[in-house]
């Protein structure tokens, strides 16, 4: 990995070069701007960005493209949740700010 004083960084290249498996996975997750769809069965689909906000109350099916490829359509009653990439990043930031305010020294997603 490059020293912190260097930059700009390409997280994809850094993930490929990482030898520690935890660091590699962490960087790969950061590179991936994927939304998540969780089915009522518990299956988690990481998807290409969903362009329109999904509202299960409308009862319409959700048509999306999992990152593994192909196309998936789930009916509203098959979907537990839809979380957008930006929401996950904001939730992580809020969690870390809360931990710091409570005086904790371990952050969520911290690599040790």
PDB file of N, CA and C in Angstrom:
ATOM      1  N   UNK A   1       0.840  -1.174   0.000  1.00  0.00           N
ATOM      2  CA  UNK A   1       0.000   0.000   0.000  1.00  0.00           C
ATOM      3  C   UNK A   1       0.886   1.239   0.000  1.00  0.00           C
ATOM      4  N   UNK A   2       0.322   2.308  -0.526  1.00  0.00           N
ATOM      5  CA  UNK A   2       1.059   3.564  -0.565  1.00  0.00           C
ATOM      6  C   UNK A   2       1.066   4.203   0.818  1.00  0.00           C
ATOM      7  N   UNK A   3       2.162   4.896   1.163  1.00  0.00           N
ATOM      8  CA  UNK A   3       2.148   5.656   2.420  1.00  0.00           C
ATOM      9  C   UNK A   3       1.037   6.704   2.381  1.00  0.00           C
ATOM     10  N   UNK A   4       0.517   7.060   3.551  1.00  0.00           N
ATOM     11  CA  UNK A   4      -0.597   8.005   3.618  1.00  0.00           C
ATOM     12  C   UNK A   4      -0.257   9.373   3.043  1.00  0.00           C
ATOM     13  N   UNK A   5       1.017   9.726   2.993  1.00  0.00           N
ATOM     14  CA  UNK A   5       1.395  11.042   2.484  1.00  0.00           C
ATOM     15  C   UNK A   5       1.323  11.122   0.964  1.00  0.00           C
ATOM     16  N   UNK A   6       1.121  10.000   0.303  1.00  0.00           N
ATOM     17  CA  UNK A   6       1.037   9.996  -1.153  1.00  0.00           C
ATOM     18  C   UNK A   6      -0.411  10.083  -1.591  1.00  0.00           C
ATOM     19  N   UNK A   7      -0.596  10.367  -2.826  1.00  0.00           N
ATOM     20  CA  UNK A   7      -1.947  10.393  -3.368  1.00  0.00           C
ATOM     21  C   UNK A   7      -1.920  11.010  -4.730  1.00  0.00           C
ATOM     22  N   UNK A   8      -2.979  11.101  -5.448  1.00  0.00           N
ATOM     23  CA  UNK A   8      -4.293  10.542  -5.094  1.00  0.00           C
ATOM     24  C   UNK A   8      -4.258   9.006  -5.111  1.00  0.00           C
ATOM     25  N   UNK A   9      -5.253   8.420  -4.477  1.00  0.00           N
ATOM     26  CA  UNK A   9      -5.311   6.981  -4.353  1.00  0.00           C
ATOM     27  C   UNK A   9      -6.360   6.408  -5.284  1.00  0.00           C
ATOM     28  N   UNK A  10      -6.074   5.237  -5.785  1.00  0.00           N
ATOM     29  CA  UNK A  10      -7.046   4.465  -6.525  1.00  0.00           C
ATOM     30  C   UNK A  10      -7.382   3.279  -5.630  1.00  0.00           C
ATOM     31  N   UNK A  11      -8.558   3.307  -5.010  1.00  0.00           N
ATOM     32  CA  UNK A  11      -8.907   2.272  -4.046  1.00  0.00           C
ATOM     33  C   UNK A  11      -8.968   0.888  -4.682  1.00  0.00           C
ATOM     34  N   UNK A  12      -9.348   0.822  -5.942  1.00  0.00           N
ATOM     35  CA  UNK A  12      -9.378  -0.466  -6.633  1.00  0.00           C
ATOM     36  C   UNK A  12      -7.989  -1.070  -6.727  1.00  0.00           C
ATOM     37  N   UNK A  13      -7.002  -0.254  -7.085  1.00  0.00           N
ATOM     38  CA  UNK A  13      -5.616  -0.727  -7.159  1.00  0.00           C
ATOM     39  C   UNK A  13      -5.100  -1.092  -5.778  1.00  0.00           C
ATOM     40  N   UNK A  14      -5.458  -0.280  -4.776  1.00  0.00           N
ATOM     41  CA  UNK A  14      -5.027  -0.567  -3.408  1.00  0.00           C
ATOM     42  C   UNK A  14      -5.622  -1.883  -2.915  1.00  0.00           C
ATOM     43  N   UNK A  15      -6.882  -2.141  -3.252  1.00  0.00           N
ATOM     44  CA  UNK A  15      -7.516  -3.394  -2.844  1.00  0.00           C
ATOM     45  C   UNK A  15      -6.817  -4.584  -3.479  1.00  0.00           C
ATOM     46  N   UNK A  16      -6.466  -4.464  -4.755  1.00  0.00           N
ATOM     47  CA  UNK A  16      -5.762  -5.551  -5.445  1.00  0.00           C
ATOM     48  C   UNK A  16      -4.393  -5.803  -4.822  1.00  0.00           C
ATOM     49  N   UNK A  17      -3.726  -4.740  -4.382  1.00  0.00           N
ATOM     50  CA  UNK A  17      -2.372  -4.863  -3.847  1.00  0.00           C
ATOM     51  C   UNK A  17      -2.343  -5.283  -2.377  1.00  0.00           C
ATOM     52  N   UNK A  18      -3.454  -5.163  -1.673  1.00  0.00           N
ATOM     53  CA  UNK A  18      -3.484  -5.466  -0.237  1.00  0.00           C
ATOM     54  C   UNK A  18      -3.220  -6.951  -0.003  1.00  0.00           C
ATOM     55  N   UNK A  19      -2.368  -7.237   0.967  1.00  0.00           N
ATOM     56  CA  UNK A  19      -2.054  -8.631   1.286  1.00  0.00           C
ATOM     57  C   UNK A  19      -2.852  -9.124   2.491  1.00  0.00           C
ATOM     58  N   UNK A  20      -3.255  -8.228   3.391  1.00  0.00           N
ATOM     59  CA  UNK A  20      -4.065  -8.603   4.539  1.00  0.00           C
ATOM     60  C   UNK A  20      -5.500  -8.814   4.058  1.00  0.00           C
ATOM     61  N   UNK A  21      -6.095  -9.992   4.293  1.00  0.00           N
ATOM     62  CA  UNK A  21      -7.448 -10.268   3.788  1.00  0.00           C
ATOM     63  C   UNK A  21      -8.511  -9.304   4.301  1.00  0.00           C
ATOM     64  N   UNK A  22      -8.379  -8.858   5.561  1.00  0.00           N
ATOM     65  CA  UNK A  22      -9.367  -7.923   6.111  1.00  0.00           C
ATOM     66  C   UNK A  22      -9.252  -6.565   5.435  1.00  0.00           C
ATOM     67  N   UNK A  23      -8.029  -6.111   5.211  1.00  0.00           N
ATOM     68  CA  UNK A  23      -7.807  -4.835   4.528  1.00  0.00           C
ATOM     69  C   UNK A  23      -8.305  -4.927   3.092  1.00  0.00           C
ATOM     70  N   UNK A  24      -8.004  -6.046   2.431  1.00  0.00           N
ATOM     71  CA  UNK A  24      -8.450  -6.245   1.050  1.00  0.00           C
ATOM     72  C   UNK A  24      -9.971  -6.156   0.952  1.00  0.00           C
ATOM     73  N   UNK A  25     -10.681  -6.869   1.851  1.00  0.00           N
ATOM     74  CA  UNK A  25     -12.152  -6.849   1.821  1.00  0.00           C
ATOM     75  C   UNK A  25     -12.690  -5.451   2.114  1.00  0.00           C
ATOM     76  N   UNK A  26     -12.101  -4.770   3.110  1.00  0.00           N
ATOM     77  CA  UNK A  26     -12.530  -3.417   3.461  1.00  0.00           C
ATOM     78  C   UNK A  26     -12.397  -2.485   2.258  1.00  0.00           C
ATOM     79  N   UNK A  27     -11.254  -2.509   1.586  1.00  0.00           N
ATOM     80  CA  UNK A  27     -11.039  -1.635   0.425  1.00  0.00           C
ATOM     81  C   UNK A  27     -11.956  -2.016  -0.734  1.00  0.00           C
ATOM     82  N   UNK A  28     -12.164  -3.305  -0.940  1.00  0.00           N
ATOM     83  CA  UNK A  28     -13.069  -3.738  -2.005  1.00  0.00           C
ATOM     84  C   UNK A  28     -14.486  -3.235  -1.745  1.00  0.00           C
ATOM     85  N   UNK A  29     -14.910  -3.256  -0.479  1.00  0.00           N
ATOM     86  CA  UNK A  29     -16.243  -2.764  -0.131  1.00  0.00           C
ATOM     87  C   UNK A  29     -16.357  -1.262  -0.362  1.00  0.00           C
ATOM     88  N   UNK A  30     -15.275  -0.508  -0.079  1.00  0.00           N
ATOM     89  CA  UNK A  30     -15.297   0.934  -0.304  1.00  0.00           C
ATOM     90  C   UNK A  30     -15.392   1.278  -1.784  1.00  0.00           C
ATOM     91  N   UNK A  31     -14.728   0.495  -2.607  1.00  0.00           N
ATOM     92  CA  UNK A  31     -14.717   0.749  -4.052  1.00  0.00           C
ATOM     93  C   UNK A  31     -16.099   0.520  -4.642  1.00  0.00           C
ATOM     94  N   UNK A  32     -16.815  -0.417  -4.078  1.00  0.00           N
ATOM     95  CA  UNK A  32     -18.084  -0.865  -4.642  1.00  0.00           C
ATOM     96  C   UNK A  32     -19.234   0.047  -4.214  1.00  0.00           C
ATOM     97  N   UNK A  33     -19.723   0.847  -5.126  1.00  0.00           N
ATOM     98  CA  UNK A  33     -20.871   1.704  -4.823  1.00  0.00           C
ATOM     99  C   UNK A  33     -22.149   0.942  -5.185  1.00  0.00           C
ATOM    100  N   UNK A  34     -22.473  -0.027  -4.353  1.00  0.00           N
ATOM    101  CA  UNK A  34     -23.606  -0.892  -4.624  1.00  0.00           C
ATOM    102  C   UNK A  34     -24.727  -0.645  -3.627  1.00  0.00           C
ATOM    103  N   UNK A  35     -25.939  -0.749  -4.118  1.00  0.00           N
ATOM    104  CA  UNK A  35     -27.105  -0.729  -3.246  1.00  0.00           C
ATOM    105  C   UNK A  35     -27.328  -2.153  -2.746  1.00  0.00           C
ATOM    106  N   UNK A  36     -28.147  -2.309  -1.718  1.00  0.00           N
ATOM    107  CA  UNK A  36     -28.447  -3.635  -1.195  1.00  0.00           C
ATOM    108  C   UNK A  36     -29.947  -3.858  -1.128  1.00  0.00           C
ATOM    109  N   UNK A  37     -30.357  -5.011  -1.602  1.00  0.00           N
ATOM    110  CA  UNK A  37     -31.745  -5.452  -1.498  1.00  0.00           C
ATOM    111  C   UNK A  37     -31.719  -6.711  -0.643  1.00  0.00           C
ATOM    112  N   UNK A  38     -32.510  -6.716   0.428  1.00  0.00           N
ATOM    113  CA  UNK A  38     -32.586  -7.886   1.293  1.00  0.00           C
ATOM    114  C   UNK A  38     -33.969  -8.501   1.120  1.00  0.00           C
ATOM    115  N   UNK A  39     -33.984  -9.773   0.746  1.00  0.00           N
ATOM    116  CA  UNK A  39     -35.242 -10.498   0.566  1.00  0.00           C
ATOM    117  C   UNK A  39     -35.741 -10.989   1.918  1.00  0.00           C
ATOM    118  N   UNK A  40     -37.020 -11.297   2.012  1.00  0.00           N
ATOM    119  CA  UNK A  40     -37.586 -11.806   3.256  1.00  0.00           C
ATOM    120  C   UNK A  40     -36.943 -13.135   3.643  1.00  0.00           C
ATOM    121  N   UNK A  41     -36.349 -13.823   2.702  1.00  0.00           N
ATOM    122  CA  UNK A  41     -35.639 -15.082   2.986  1.00  0.00           C
ATOM    123  C   UNK A  41     -34.301 -14.832   3.669  1.00  0.00           C
ATOM    124  N   UNK A  42     -33.865 -13.558   3.687  1.00  0.00           N
ATOM    125  CA  UNK A  42     -32.575 -13.216   4.266  1.00  0.00           C
ATOM    126  C   UNK A  42     -31.469 -13.065   3.238  1.00  0.00           C
ATOM    127  N   UNK A  43     -31.745 -13.441   1.998  1.00  0.00           N
ATOM    128  CA  UNK A  43     -30.726 -13.307   0.956  1.00  0.00           C
ATOM    129  C   UNK A  43     -30.456 -11.824   0.703  1.00  0.00           C
ATOM    130  N   UNK A  44     -29.170 -11.468   0.646  1.00  0.00           N
ATOM    131  CA  UNK A  44     -28.756 -10.094   0.399  1.00  0.00           C
ATOM    132  C   UNK A  44     -28.233  -9.998  -1.028  1.00  0.00           C
ATOM    133  N   UNK A  45     -28.822  -9.101  -1.786  1.00  0.00           N
ATOM    134  CA  UNK A  45     -28.375  -8.832  -3.150  1.00  0.00           C
ATOM    135  C   UNK A  45     -27.630  -7.504  -3.154  1.00  0.00           C
ATOM    136  N   UNK A  46     -26.387  -7.522  -3.585  1.00  0.00           N
ATOM    137  CA  UNK A  46     -25.660  -6.271  -3.832  1.00  0.00           C
ATOM    138  C   UNK A  46     -25.915  -5.953  -5.291  1.00  0.00           C
ATOM    139  N   UNK A  47     -26.426  -4.759  -5.533  1.00  0.00           N
ATOM    140  CA  UNK A  47     -26.913  -4.436  -6.863  1.00  0.00           C
ATOM    141  C   UNK A  47     -26.235  -3.206  -7.448  1.00  0.00           C
ATOM    142  N   UNK A  48     -26.303  -3.131  -8.761  1.00  0.00           N
ATOM    143  CA  UNK A  48     -25.949  -1.888  -9.431  1.00  0.00           C
ATOM    144  C   UNK A  48     -26.880  -0.818  -8.869  1.00  0.00           C
ATOM    145  N   UNK A  49     -26.439   0.436  -8.857  1.00  0.00           N
ATOM    146  CA  UNK A  49     -27.293   1.483  -8.282  1.00  0.00           C
ATOM    147  C   UNK A  49     -28.719   1.466  -8.849  1.00  0.00           C
ATOM    148  N   UNK A  50     -29.671   1.527  -7.936  1.00  0.00           N
ATOM    149  CA  UNK A  50     -31.088   1.572  -8.318  1.00  0.00           C
ATOM    150  C   UNK A  50     -31.424   3.040  -8.531  1.00  0.00           C
ATOM    151  N   UNK A  51     -31.846   3.368  -9.734  1.00  0.00           N
ATOM    152  CA  UNK A  51     -31.977   4.772 -10.124  1.00  0.00           C
ATOM    153  C   UNK A  51     -33.182   5.486  -9.529  1.00  0.00           C
ATOM    154  N   UNK A  52     -34.229   4.732  -9.196  1.00  0.00           N
ATOM    155  CA  UNK A  52     -35.430   5.370  -8.654  1.00  0.00           C
ATOM    156  C   UNK A  52     -35.690   4.832  -7.254  1.00  0.00           C
ATOM    157  N   UNK A  53     -36.027   5.725  -6.330  1.00  0.00           N
ATOM    158  CA  UNK A  53     -36.319   5.336  -4.957  1.00  0.00           C
ATOM    159  C   UNK A  53     -37.454   4.319  -4.952  1.00  0.00           C
ATOM    160  N   UNK A  54     -37.216   3.184  -4.280  1.00  0.00           N
ATOM    161  CA  UNK A  54     -38.217   2.128  -4.229  1.00  0.00           C
ATOM    162  C   UNK A  54     -39.105   2.312  -3.007  1.00  0.00           C
ATOM    163  N   UNK A  55     -40.399   2.239  -3.215  1.00  0.00           N
ATOM    164  CA  UNK A  55     -41.361   2.343  -2.127  1.00  0.00           C
ATOM    165  C   UNK A  55     -42.218   1.087  -2.125  1.00  0.00           C
ATOM    166  N   UNK A  56     -41.986   0.217  -1.151  1.00  0.00           N
ATOM    167  CA  UNK A  56     -42.713  -1.051  -1.068  1.00  0.00           C
ATOM    168  C   UNK A  56     -44.215  -0.842  -0.897  1.00  0.00           C
ATOM    169  N   UNK A  57     -44.605   0.303  -0.313  1.00  0.00           N
ATOM    170  CA  UNK A  57     -46.025   0.580  -0.087  1.00  0.00           C
ATOM    171  C   UNK A  57     -46.803   0.683  -1.392  1.00  0.00           C
ATOM    172  N   UNK A  58     -46.085   0.989  -2.483  1.00  0.00           N
ATOM    173  CA  UNK A  58     -46.760   1.064  -3.781  1.00  0.00           C
ATOM    174  C   UNK A  58     -47.129  -0.320  -4.298  1.00  0.00           C
ATOM    175  N   UNK A  59     -46.518  -1.362  -3.729  1.00  0.00           N
ATOM    176  CA  UNK A  59     -46.844  -2.737  -4.112  1.00  0.00           C
ATOM    177  C   UNK A  59     -46.273  -3.180  -5.445  1.00  0.00           C
ATOM    178  N   UNK A  60     -45.417  -2.371  -6.034  1.00  0.00           N
ATOM    179  CA  UNK A  60     -44.847  -2.719  -7.334  1.00  0.00           C
ATOM    180  C   UNK A  60     -43.614  -3.601  -7.161  1.00  0.00           C
ATOM    181  N   UNK A  61     -43.352  -4.457  -8.150  1.00  0.00           N
ATOM    182  CA  UNK A  61     -42.129  -5.259  -8.080  1.00  0.00           C
ATOM    183  C   UNK A  61     -40.886  -4.381  -8.290  1.00  0.00           C
ATOM    184  N   UNK A  62     -39.762  -4.874  -7.796  1.00  0.00           N
ATOM    185  CA  UNK A  62     -38.493  -4.182  -7.981  1.00  0.00           C
ATOM    186  C   UNK A  62     -37.651  -4.990  -8.957  1.00  0.00           C
ATOM    187  N   UNK A  63     -37.261  -4.343 -10.022  1.00  0.00           N
ATOM    188  CA  UNK A  63     -36.442  -4.948 -11.067  1.00  0.00           C
ATOM    189  C   UNK A  63     -35.029  -4.390 -10.906  1.00  0.00           C
ATOM    190  N   UNK A  64     -34.042  -5.262 -10.662  1.00  0.00           N
ATOM    191  CA  UNK A  64     -32.685  -4.777 -10.437  1.00  0.00           C
ATOM    192  C   UNK A  64     -31.662  -5.754 -11.007  1.00  0.00           C
ATOM    193  N   UNK A  65     -30.424  -5.290 -11.064  1.00  0.00           N
ATOM    194  CA  UNK A  65     -29.330  -6.084 -11.607  1.00  0.00           C
ATOM    195  C   UNK A  65     -28.317  -6.382 -10.511  1.00  0.00           C
ATOM    196  N   UNK A  66     -28.281  -7.622 -10.008  1.00  0.00           N
ATOM    197  CA  UNK A  66     -27.259  -7.971  -9.023  1.00  0.00           C
ATOM    198  C   UNK A  66     -25.865  -7.828  -9.637  1.00  0.00           C
ATOM    199  N   UNK A  67     -24.890  -7.527  -8.795  1.00  0.00           N
ATOM    200  CA  UNK A  67     -23.533  -7.356  -9.297  1.00  0.00           C
ATOM    201  C   UNK A  67     -22.976  -8.628  -9.908  1.00  0.00           C
ATOM    202  N   UNK A  68     -23.522  -9.784  -9.506  1.00  0.00           N
ATOM    203  CA  UNK A  68     -23.076 -11.054 -10.089  1.00  0.00           C
ATOM    204  C   UNK A  68     -23.538 -11.204 -11.530  1.00  0.00           C
ATOM    205  N   UNK A  69     -24.440 -10.331 -11.952  1.00  0.00           N
ATOM    206  CA  UNK A  69     -24.963 -10.392 -13.317  1.00  0.00           C
ATOM    207  C   UNK A  69     -26.395 -10.871 -13.341  1.00  0.00           C
ATOM    208  N   UNK A  70     -26.963 -10.837 -14.516  1.00  0.00           N
ATOM    209  CA  UNK A  70     -28.344 -11.250 -14.672  1.00  0.00           C
ATOM    210  C   UNK A  70     -29.306 -10.153 -14.264  1.00  0.00           C
ATOM    211  N   UNK A  71     -30.542 -10.538 -14.143  1.00  0.00           N
ATOM    212  CA  UNK A  71     -31.601  -9.612 -13.777  1.00  0.00           C
ATOM    213  C   UNK A  71     -32.487 -10.301 -12.770  1.00  0.00           C
ATOM    214  N   UNK A  72     -32.914  -9.573 -11.758  1.00  0.00           N
ATOM    215  CA  UNK A  72     -33.787 -10.137 -10.727  1.00  0.00           C
ATOM    216  C   UNK A  72     -34.991  -9.235 -10.552  1.00  0.00           C
ATOM    217  N   UNK A  73     -36.137  -9.859 -10.409  1.00  0.00           N
ATOM    218  CA  UNK A  73     -37.365  -9.130 -10.123  1.00  0.00           C
ATOM    219  C   UNK A  73     -37.977  -9.737  -8.866  1.00  0.00           C
ATOM    220  N   UNK A  74     -38.188  -8.895  -7.860  1.00  0.00           N
ATOM    221  CA  UNK A  74     -38.831  -9.342  -6.627  1.00  0.00           C
ATOM    222  C   UNK A  74     -40.120  -8.554  -6.439  1.00  0.00           C
ATOM    223  N   UNK A  75     -41.159  -9.252  -6.023  1.00  0.00           N
ATOM    224  CA  UNK A  75     -42.410  -8.584  -5.694  1.00  0.00           C
ATOM    225  C   UNK A  75     -42.263  -7.886  -4.343  1.00  0.00           C
ATOM    226  N   UNK A  76     -43.089  -6.914  -4.092  1.00  0.00           N
ATOM    227  CA  UNK A  76     -42.996  -6.128  -2.860  1.00  0.00           C
ATOM    228  C   UNK A  76     -43.037  -7.009  -1.614  1.00  0.00           C
ATOM    229  N   UNK A  77     -43.849  -8.077  -1.622  1.00  0.00           N
ATOM    230  CA  UNK A  77     -43.947  -8.941  -0.447  1.00  0.00           C
ATOM    231  C   UNK A  77     -42.725  -9.848  -0.271  1.00  0.00           C
ATOM    232  N   UNK A  78     -41.803  -9.839  -1.235  1.00  0.00           N
ATOM    233  CA  UNK A  78     -40.574 -10.634  -1.147  1.00  0.00           C
ATOM    234  C   UNK A  78     -39.387  -9.800  -0.652  1.00  0.00           C
ATOM    235  N   UNK A  79     -39.603  -8.504  -0.451  1.00  0.00           N
ATOM    236  CA  UNK A  79     -38.512  -7.595  -0.114  1.00  0.00           C
ATOM    237  C   UNK A  79     -38.613  -7.166   1.352  1.00  0.00           C
ATOM    238  N   UNK A  80     -37.530  -7.405   2.112  1.00  0.00           N
ATOM    239  CA  UNK A  80     -37.470  -6.939   3.490  1.00  0.00           C
ATOM    240  C   UNK A  80     -37.005  -5.488   3.522  1.00  0.00           C
ATOM    241  N   UNK A  81     -35.962  -5.164   2.732  1.00  0.00           N
ATOM    242  CA  UNK A  81     -35.458  -3.790   2.733  1.00  0.00           C
ATOM    243  C   UNK A  81     -34.649  -3.500   1.477  1.00  0.00           C
ATOM    244  N   UNK A  82     -34.585  -2.225   1.167  1.00  0.00           N
ATOM    245  CA  UNK A  82     -33.734  -1.704   0.095  1.00  0.00           C
ATOM    246  C   UNK A  82     -32.918  -0.583   0.724  1.00  0.00           C
ATOM    247  N   UNK A  83     -31.597  -0.720   0.661  1.00  0.00           N
ATOM    248  CA  UNK A  83     -30.723   0.291   1.238  1.00  0.00           C
ATOM    249  C   UNK A  83     -29.788   0.794   0.153  1.00  0.00           C
ATOM    250  N   UNK A  84     -29.766   2.087   0.007  1.00  0.00           N
ATOM    251  CA  UNK A  84     -28.926   2.700  -1.020  1.00  0.00           C
ATOM    252  C   UNK A  84     -27.528   2.950  -0.464  1.00  0.00           C
ATOM    253  N   UNK A  85     -26.531   2.900  -1.331  1.00  0.00           N
ATOM    254  CA  UNK A  85     -25.125   3.077  -0.955  1.00  0.00           C
ATOM    255  C   UNK A  85     -24.936   4.308  -0.072  1.00  0.00           C
ATOM    256  N   UNK A  86     -25.507   5.410  -0.495  1.00  0.00           N
ATOM    257  CA  UNK A  86     -25.345   6.666   0.246  1.00  0.00           C
ATOM    258  C   UNK A  86     -25.908   6.568   1.662  1.00  0.00           C
ATOM    259  N   UNK A  87     -27.020   5.850   1.808  1.00  0.00           N
ATOM    260  CA  UNK A  87     -27.614   5.663   3.143  1.00  0.00           C
ATOM    261  C   UNK A  87     -26.698   4.846   4.040  1.00  0.00           C
ATOM    262  N   UNK A  88     -26.066   3.807   3.476  1.00  0.00           N
ATOM    263  CA  UNK A  88     -25.153   2.977   4.274  1.00  0.00           C
ATOM    264  C   UNK A  88     -23.951   3.788   4.737  1.00  0.00           C
ATOM    265  N   UNK A  89     -23.424   4.649   3.858  1.00  0.00           N
ATOM    266  CA  UNK A  89     -22.278   5.488   4.232  1.00  0.00           C
ATOM    267  C   UNK A  89     -22.682   6.462   5.339  1.00  0.00           C
ATOM    268  N   UNK A  90     -23.847   7.084   5.203  1.00  0.00           N
ATOM    269  CA  UNK A  90     -24.325   8.029   6.219  1.00  0.00           C
ATOM    270  C   UNK A  90     -24.556   7.299   7.543  1.00  0.00           C
ATOM    271  N   UNK A  91     -25.162   6.113   7.513  1.00  0.00           N
ATOM    272  CA  UNK A  91     -25.386   5.345   8.738  1.00  0.00           C
ATOM    273  C   UNK A  91     -24.066   5.014   9.432  1.00  0.00           C
ATOM    274  N   UNK A  92     -23.048   4.668   8.653  1.00  0.00           N
ATOM    275  CA  UNK A  92     -21.735   4.364   9.223  1.00  0.00           C
ATOM    276  C   UNK A  92     -21.125   5.607   9.870  1.00  0.00           C
ATOM    277  N   UNK A  93     -21.253   6.746   9.211  1.00  0.00           N
ATOM    278  CA  UNK A  93     -20.732   7.989   9.782  1.00  0.00           C
ATOM    279  C   UNK A  93     -21.445   8.343  11.084  1.00  0.00           C
ATOM    280  N   UNK A  94     -22.765   8.219  11.096  1.00  0.00           N
ATOM    281  CA  UNK A  94     -23.540   8.524  12.307  1.00  0.00           C
ATOM    282  C   UNK A  94     -23.135   7.576  13.440  1.00  0.00           C
ATOM    283  N   UNK A  95     -22.989   6.297  13.128  1.00  0.00           N
ATOM    284  CA  UNK A  95     -22.579   5.327  14.154  1.00  0.00           C
ATOM    285  C   UNK A  95     -21.214   5.691  14.726  1.00  0.00           C
ATOM    286  N   UNK A  96     -20.262   6.051  13.868  1.00  0.00           N
ATOM    287  CA  UNK A  96     -18.924   6.390  14.350  1.00  0.00           C
ATOM    288  C   UNK A  96     -18.921   7.689  15.165  1.00  0.00           C
ATOM    289  N   UNK A  97     -19.701   8.668  14.757  1.00  0.00           N
ATOM    290  CA  UNK A  97     -19.799   9.915  15.527  1.00  0.00           C
ATOM    291  C   UNK A  97     -20.400   9.619  16.901  1.00  0.00           C
ATOM    292  N   UNK A  98     -21.424   8.778  16.950  1.00  0.00           N
ATOM    293  CA  UNK A  98     -22.049   8.407  18.226  1.00  0.00           C
ATOM    294  C   UNK A  98     -21.046   7.710  19.131  1.00  0.00           C
ATOM    295  N   UNK A  99     -20.251   6.808  18.573  1.00  0.00           N
ATOM    296  CA  UNK A  99     -19.243   6.103  19.371  1.00  0.00           C
ATOM    297  C   UNK A  99     -18.226   7.094  19.945  1.00  0.00           C
ATOM    298  N   UNK A 100     -17.789   8.033  19.115  1.00  0.00           N
ATOM    299  CA  UNK A 100     -16.823   9.023  19.585  1.00  0.00           C
ATOM    300  C   UNK A 100     -17.431   9.899  20.679  1.00  0.00           C
ATOM    301  N   UNK A 101     -18.694  10.284  20.538  1.00  0.00           N
ATOM    302  CA  UNK A 101     -19.355  11.107  21.552  1.00  0.00           C
ATOM    303  C   UNK A 101     -19.506  10.365  22.872  1.00  0.00           C
ATOM    304  N   UNK A 102     -19.624   9.033  22.811  1.00  0.00           N
ATOM    305  CA  UNK A 102     -19.727   8.226  24.034  1.00  0.00           C
ATOM    306  C   UNK A 102     -18.351   7.928  24.635  1.00  0.00           C
ATOM    307  N   UNK A 103     -17.299   8.409  23.977  1.00  0.00           N
ATOM    308  CA  UNK A 103     -15.944   8.200  24.478  1.00  0.00           C
ATOM    309  C   UNK A 103     -15.332   6.873  24.090  1.00  0.00           C
ATOM    310  N   UNK A 104     -15.970   6.158  23.165  1.00  0.00           N
ATOM    311  CA  UNK A 104     -15.417   4.876  22.720  1.00  0.00           C
ATOM    312  C   UNK A 104     -14.236   5.144  21.785  1.00  0.00           C
ATOM    313  N   UNK A 105     -13.286   4.226  21.785  1.00  0.00           N
ATOM    314  CA  UNK A 105     -12.143   4.411  20.904  1.00  0.00           C
ATOM    315  C   UNK A 105     -12.118   3.424  19.745  1.00  0.00           C
ATOM    316  N   UNK A 106     -13.145   2.580  19.613  1.00  0.00           N
ATOM    317  CA  UNK A 106     -13.256   1.647  18.487  1.00  0.00           C
ATOM    318  C   UNK A 106     -14.381   2.113  17.572  1.00  0.00           C
ATOM    319  N   UNK A 107     -14.089   2.201  16.302  1.00  0.00           N
ATOM    320  CA  UNK A 107     -15.073   2.641  15.330  1.00  0.00           C
ATOM    321  C   UNK A 107     -15.631   1.452  14.546  1.00  0.00           C
ATOM    322  N   UNK A 108     -16.824   1.608  14.035  1.00  0.00           N
ATOM    323  CA  UNK A 108     -17.419   0.581  13.184  1.00  0.00           C
ATOM    324  C   UNK A 108     -16.568   0.456  11.925  1.00  0.00           C
ATOM    325  N   UNK A 109     -16.386  -0.765  11.459  1.00  0.00           N
ATOM    326  CA  UNK A 109     -15.582  -1.074  10.264  1.00  0.00           C
ATOM    327  C   UNK A 109     -14.109  -0.744  10.447  1.00  0.00           C
ATOM    328  N   UNK A 110     -13.668  -0.631  11.690  1.00  0.00           N
ATOM    329  CA  UNK A 110     -12.258  -0.338  11.939  1.00  0.00           C
ATOM    330  C   UNK A 110     -11.433  -1.607  11.722  1.00  0.00           C
ATOM    331  N   UNK A 111     -10.327  -1.458  11.075  1.00  0.00           N
ATOM    332  CA  UNK A 111      -9.431  -2.587  10.854  1.00  0.00           C
ATOM    333  C   UNK A 111      -8.413  -2.587  11.979  1.00  0.00           C
ATOM    334  N   UNK A 112      -8.277  -3.724  12.637  1.00  0.00           N
ATOM    335  CA  UNK A 112      -7.306  -3.824  13.737  1.00  0.00           C
ATOM    336  C   UNK A 112      -6.255  -4.863  13.404  1.00  0.00           C
TER     337      UNK A 112
END
